[in-house]
């Protein structure tokens, strides 16, 4: 079952920092979800990090980003250490560059936009210096520590952006349409299933949208919509939800129709997936 962890701080503008030394209560053998972002910085890495049912190795001097709603599980070895920085999206509402970068991790599939980042040797030292300084200030009584931490977390995100492949950062008209589609999809996939509905809101034809989506994913628009539905179904099926509850939550009028859809998309029935 996948529990959902809520942000403990009452102030949505606050950033929390946890030092990962010896294995602690944070390490869990079960998959779980959060309603906030987590930014992991691994100084010394070993083990595996599962994010939305895909595995990513934990390596030294790397950064992993887990977006709200994603199911994840950290299985690090005893000598792995680093930091985890926790915050809500609203923290960066005045920084559109960082906000859009983070929001993309909420919208895109982890296979399409990797949640893990590795850096050139000369940058690794900068990453570790930044996080070490964040931790020292977080543990201080400085009245301006929030502003200091916010700016340094922004810098970490910018380093992650700079490490991305140029094609991932390239912007053109088609990329803008695709980005709008993905951001629309994350908000409307439960009630909007038809390509024509997305195309209409985006101001393009069905054919144009299919061509744009296919260029970037190799899949049809319908396949991407169904993949988003299937991912959310997997997240919920591994929680305390029954297949019937998941079906109605995702907008299926008939649980049997949902079971048929899920098996076609995943190769397993809902009950087989829960047992596995």
Protein backbone atom coordinates (compact mmCIF):
# COMPACT_ATOMS: atom_id res chain seq x y z
CA UNK A 1 0.00 0.00 0.00
CA UNK A 2 1.20 3.52 -0.79
CA UNK A 3 0.64 6.02 2.03
CA UNK A 4 0.56 9.74 1.28
CA UNK A 5 2.87 11.92 3.37
CA UNK A 6 1.69 15.50 3.99
CA UNK A 7 3.89 18.54 4.38
CA UNK A 8 4.37 18.98 8.13
CA UNK A 9 5.01 22.71 8.13
CA UNK A 10 2.04 25.05 8.44
CA UNK A 11 3.91 27.73 6.47
CA UNK A 12 3.71 26.81 2.75
CA UNK A 13 6.62 29.16 2.03
CA UNK A 14 8.98 27.19 4.26
CA UNK A 15 11.69 24.81 3.09
CA UNK A 16 12.71 21.83 5.21
CA UNK A 17 16.10 20.14 5.03
CA UNK A 18 16.91 16.66 6.31
CA UNK A 19 20.44 15.29 6.62
CA UNK A 20 20.78 11.72 5.36
CA UNK A 21 23.47 10.05 7.43
CA UNK A 22 22.88 6.64 8.97
CA UNK A 23 19.68 4.95 7.89
CA UNK A 24 16.79 6.51 9.77
CA UNK A 25 13.02 6.56 10.07
CA UNK A 26 12.91 8.26 6.69
CA UNK A 27 14.14 5.13 4.94
CA UNK A 28 11.24 2.87 4.20
CA UNK A 29 10.72 -0.50 2.63
CA UNK A 30 7.36 0.58 1.26
CA UNK A 31 6.43 2.77 -1.66
CA UNK A 32 4.88 6.10 -0.64
CA UNK A 33 3.73 9.45 -2.05
CA UNK A 34 4.04 13.09 -1.00
CA UNK A 35 1.96 16.22 -1.56
CA UNK A 36 5.19 18.26 -1.89
CA UNK A 37 8.48 18.23 -3.79
CA UNK A 38 11.56 16.40 -2.58
CA UNK A 39 15.02 17.19 -3.89
CA UNK A 40 17.60 14.56 -2.95
CA UNK A 41 21.31 15.39 -3.07
CA UNK A 42 23.42 12.26 -2.63
CA UNK A 43 27.02 12.95 -1.55
CA UNK A 44 27.94 9.28 -1.47
CA UNK A 45 25.55 7.09 -3.35
CA UNK A 46 24.75 3.41 -3.47
CA UNK A 47 21.42 1.66 -3.79
CA UNK A 48 18.27 2.16 -5.83
CA UNK A 49 15.54 4.78 -5.97
CA UNK A 50 12.17 3.72 -7.39
CA UNK A 51 10.10 6.59 -8.82
CA UNK A 52 6.71 5.83 -10.36
CA UNK A 53 7.61 2.14 -10.69
CA UNK A 54 10.87 2.81 -12.58
CA UNK A 55 14.28 2.18 -11.00
CA UNK A 56 17.09 4.76 -10.87
CA UNK A 57 20.52 3.98 -9.37
CA UNK A 58 21.65 6.14 -6.48
CA UNK A 59 25.13 7.40 -7.41
CA UNK A 60 27.51 9.79 -5.70
CA UNK A 61 27.19 13.52 -6.37
CA UNK A 62 23.77 13.25 -7.99
CA UNK A 63 20.41 14.96 -7.57
CA UNK A 64 17.01 13.22 -7.69
CA UNK A 65 13.72 15.13 -7.93
CA UNK A 66 10.45 13.59 -6.73
CA UNK A 67 7.31 15.54 -7.67
CA UNK A 68 4.05 15.66 -5.67
CA UNK A 69 1.90 12.61 -6.32
CA UNK A 70 4.70 10.41 -7.63
CA UNK A 71 5.09 7.06 -5.92
CA UNK A 72 8.65 6.46 -4.77
CA UNK A 73 10.81 4.26 -2.60
CA UNK A 74 14.38 4.92 -1.46
CA UNK A 75 16.55 1.85 -0.91
CA UNK A 76 19.97 3.24 -0.06
CA UNK A 77 22.90 1.32 1.33
CA UNK A 78 24.23 1.90 4.85
CA UNK A 79 27.09 4.18 3.78
CA UNK A 80 24.98 6.40 1.51
CA UNK A 81 24.62 9.98 2.71
CA UNK A 82 23.47 13.40 1.59
CA UNK A 83 20.46 15.67 2.03
CA UNK A 84 16.79 15.80 1.14
CA UNK A 85 15.15 19.20 0.66
CA UNK A 86 11.36 19.37 1.03
CA UNK A 87 9.14 22.19 -0.20
CA UNK A 88 5.79 23.04 -1.76
CA UNK A 89 5.50 24.42 -5.29
CA UNK A 90 4.36 27.82 -4.02
CA UNK A 91 7.84 28.45 -2.62
CA UNK A 92 9.02 29.36 -6.12
CA UNK A 93 5.96 31.26 -7.35
CA UNK A 94 8.09 34.38 -7.92
CA UNK A 95 10.73 32.47 -9.92
CA UNK A 96 9.07 31.31 -13.15
CA UNK A 97 12.23 29.64 -14.49
CA UNK A 98 12.57 27.28 -11.54
CA UNK A 99 8.81 26.90 -11.11
CA UNK A 100 8.36 25.76 -14.72
CA UNK A 101 11.30 23.36 -14.42
CA UNK A 102 9.78 21.75 -11.33
CA UNK A 103 6.27 21.73 -12.79
CA UNK A 104 7.57 19.82 -15.82
CA UNK A 105 8.56 16.99 -13.45
CA UNK A 106 4.97 16.91 -12.27
CA UNK A 107 3.63 16.76 -15.83
CA UNK A 108 6.02 14.46 -17.66
CA UNK A 109 6.51 10.73 -17.33
CA UNK A 110 9.83 9.77 -15.67
CA UNK A 111 10.78 7.87 -18.83
CA UNK A 112 10.40 11.06 -20.84
CA UNK A 113 11.94 13.53 -18.40
CA UNK A 114 14.45 11.86 -16.12
CA UNK A 115 14.13 12.83 -12.44
CA UNK A 116 17.85 12.19 -11.85
CA UNK A 117 20.80 14.44 -12.63
CA UNK A 118 24.55 13.86 -12.75
CA UNK A 119 27.21 16.50 -13.23
CA UNK A 120 30.66 17.13 -14.61
CA UNK A 121 33.45 16.74 -12.00
CA UNK A 122 34.01 20.49 -11.72
CA UNK A 123 30.30 21.03 -10.99
CA UNK A 124 30.03 18.23 -8.42
CA UNK A 125 32.08 20.23 -5.91
CA UNK A 126 29.79 23.23 -6.38
CA UNK A 127 26.70 21.09 -5.80
CA UNK A 128 28.08 19.69 -2.56
CA UNK A 129 29.24 23.11 -1.37
CA UNK A 130 25.79 24.59 -2.02
CA UNK A 131 23.95 21.85 -0.13
CA UNK A 132 26.41 21.90 2.75
CA UNK A 133 25.92 25.65 3.09
CA UNK A 134 22.13 25.25 2.92
CA UNK A 135 22.29 22.75 5.78
CA UNK A 136 24.45 25.03 7.94
CA UNK A 137 22.10 27.97 7.42
CA UNK A 138 19.00 25.81 7.96
CA UNK A 139 20.44 24.86 11.34
CA UNK A 140 21.16 28.49 12.25
CA UNK A 141 19.08 31.30 13.79
CA UNK A 142 19.86 33.81 11.07
CA UNK A 143 16.72 35.94 10.43
CA UNK A 144 17.39 35.88 6.66
CA UNK A 145 18.03 32.16 6.42
CA UNK A 146 14.84 31.48 4.45
CA UNK A 147 15.86 33.88 1.68
CA UNK A 148 19.35 32.42 1.67
CA UNK A 149 18.10 28.84 1.42
CA UNK A 150 15.52 29.71 -1.24
CA UNK A 151 18.18 31.25 -3.47
CA UNK A 152 20.54 28.32 -3.04
CA UNK A 153 17.85 25.73 -3.78
CA UNK A 154 17.08 27.76 -6.92
CA UNK A 155 20.75 27.50 -7.83
CA UNK A 156 20.64 23.72 -7.41
CA UNK A 157 17.68 23.55 -9.78
CA UNK A 158 19.50 25.73 -12.33
CA UNK A 159 22.51 23.40 -12.17
CA UNK A 160 20.12 20.52 -12.91
CA UNK A 161 18.71 22.45 -15.87
CA UNK A 162 22.20 23.14 -17.24
CA UNK A 163 23.03 19.44 -17.08
CA UNK A 164 20.08 18.52 -19.32
CA UNK A 165 20.53 17.68 -22.99
CA UNK A 166 20.13 20.71 -25.29
CA UNK A 167 17.18 19.07 -27.06
CA UNK A 168 15.30 18.97 -23.74
CA UNK A 169 15.70 22.74 -23.38
CA UNK A 170 14.99 23.66 -27.00
CA UNK A 171 11.87 25.76 -27.44
CA UNK A 172 9.93 26.17 -30.69
CA UNK A 173 6.26 26.52 -31.61
CA UNK A 174 5.65 22.76 -31.62
CA UNK A 175 7.44 22.36 -28.30
CA UNK A 176 5.24 25.05 -26.80
CA UNK A 177 2.13 23.22 -27.98
CA UNK A 178 3.45 19.95 -26.59
CA UNK A 179 4.30 21.54 -23.26
CA UNK A 180 0.81 23.06 -23.01
CA UNK A 181 -0.67 19.67 -23.83
CA UNK A 182 1.30 17.94 -21.05
CA UNK A 183 0.34 20.59 -18.52
CA UNK A 184 -3.29 20.35 -19.58
CA UNK A 185 -3.16 16.56 -19.41
CA UNK A 186 -1.96 16.42 -15.79
CA UNK A 187 -5.00 18.48 -14.77
CA UNK A 188 -7.67 17.01 -17.04
CA UNK A 189 -6.81 13.38 -17.82
CA UNK A 190 -9.55 12.10 -15.50
CA UNK A 191 -12.36 13.72 -17.46
CA UNK A 192 -10.84 14.41 -20.90
CA UNK A 193 -9.97 11.31 -22.94
CA UNK A 194 -10.46 12.46 -26.54
CA UNK A 195 -7.69 13.89 -28.70
CA UNK A 196 -10.10 16.37 -30.32
CA UNK A 197 -10.89 17.97 -26.94
CA UNK A 198 -7.23 18.70 -26.24
CA UNK A 199 -6.64 19.86 -29.83
CA UNK A 200 -9.59 22.25 -29.61
CA UNK A 201 -8.31 23.89 -26.42
CA UNK A 202 -4.79 24.12 -27.87
CA UNK A 203 -6.00 25.68 -31.11
CA UNK A 204 -4.60 22.98 -33.41
CA UNK A 205 -6.12 20.17 -35.44
CA UNK A 206 -6.24 16.56 -34.24
CA UNK A 207 -3.68 15.67 -36.92
CA UNK A 208 -1.30 18.45 -35.88
CA UNK A 209 -1.46 17.44 -32.24
CA UNK A 210 -0.83 13.79 -33.09
CA UNK A 211 2.18 14.76 -35.20
CA UNK A 212 3.62 16.97 -32.46
CA UNK A 213 3.13 14.34 -29.75
CA UNK A 214 4.50 11.57 -31.97
CA UNK A 215 7.64 13.59 -32.78
CA UNK A 216 8.44 13.87 -29.08
CA UNK A 217 7.29 10.53 -27.72
CA UNK A 218 6.92 8.10 -30.60
CA UNK A 219 3.36 7.58 -29.41
CA UNK A 220 -0.06 8.81 -30.48
CA UNK A 221 -1.85 11.43 -28.39
CA UNK A 222 -4.35 8.79 -27.27
CA UNK A 223 -1.52 6.52 -26.10
CA UNK A 224 -0.02 9.32 -23.98
CA UNK A 225 -3.43 10.06 -22.45
CA UNK A 226 -3.94 6.37 -21.67
CA UNK A 227 -0.43 6.10 -20.23
CA UNK A 228 -1.20 8.93 -17.80
CA UNK A 229 -4.43 7.21 -16.76
CA UNK A 230 -2.62 3.91 -16.28
CA UNK A 231 0.13 5.50 -14.18
CA UNK A 232 -2.38 7.11 -11.84
CA UNK A 233 -4.28 3.84 -11.64
CA UNK A 234 -1.07 2.04 -10.58
CA UNK A 235 -0.41 4.65 -7.90
CA UNK A 236 -3.91 4.28 -6.49
CA UNK A 237 -4.07 0.48 -6.74
CA UNK A 238 -0.97 0.32 -4.57
CA UNK A 239 -2.70 2.50 -1.99
CA UNK A 240 -5.70 1.49 0.09
CA UNK A 241 -8.08 1.96 -2.85
CA UNK A 242 -10.06 -0.90 -4.36
CA UNK A 243 -10.22 -1.38 -8.12
CA UNK A 244 -13.82 -0.17 -8.00
CA UNK A 245 -12.83 3.04 -6.19
CA UNK A 246 -10.02 3.66 -8.65
CA UNK A 247 -12.37 3.12 -11.58
CA UNK A 248 -14.87 5.73 -10.40
CA UNK A 249 -12.13 8.17 -9.35
CA UNK A 250 -10.63 8.04 -12.84
CA UNK A 251 -13.98 8.62 -14.50
CA UNK A 252 -14.88 5.09 -15.60
CA UNK A 253 -18.62 4.50 -15.33
CA UNK A 254 -18.18 0.73 -15.19
CA UNK A 255 -15.48 -0.98 -13.04
CA UNK A 256 -15.43 -3.85 -15.54
CA UNK A 257 -14.52 -1.38 -18.28
CA UNK A 258 -11.71 -0.05 -16.11
CA UNK A 259 -10.36 -3.58 -15.48
CA UNK A 260 -10.38 -4.30 -19.20
CA UNK A 261 -8.64 -0.98 -19.92
CA UNK A 262 -6.00 -1.53 -17.23
CA UNK A 263 -5.16 -5.06 -18.40
CA UNK A 264 -4.82 -3.90 -21.99
CA UNK A 265 -2.46 -1.11 -20.96
CA UNK A 266 -0.38 -2.91 -18.32
CA UNK A 267 -0.71 -6.58 -19.19
CA UNK A 268 -2.13 -7.33 -15.75
CA UNK A 269 -5.56 -7.17 -14.18
CA UNK A 270 -5.94 -4.72 -11.27
CA UNK A 271 -5.91 -7.58 -8.75
CA UNK A 272 -2.81 -9.15 -10.33
CA UNK A 273 -1.03 -5.81 -10.19
CA UNK A 274 -1.91 -5.38 -6.50
CA UNK A 275 -0.61 -8.85 -5.67
CA UNK A 276 2.61 -8.32 -7.59
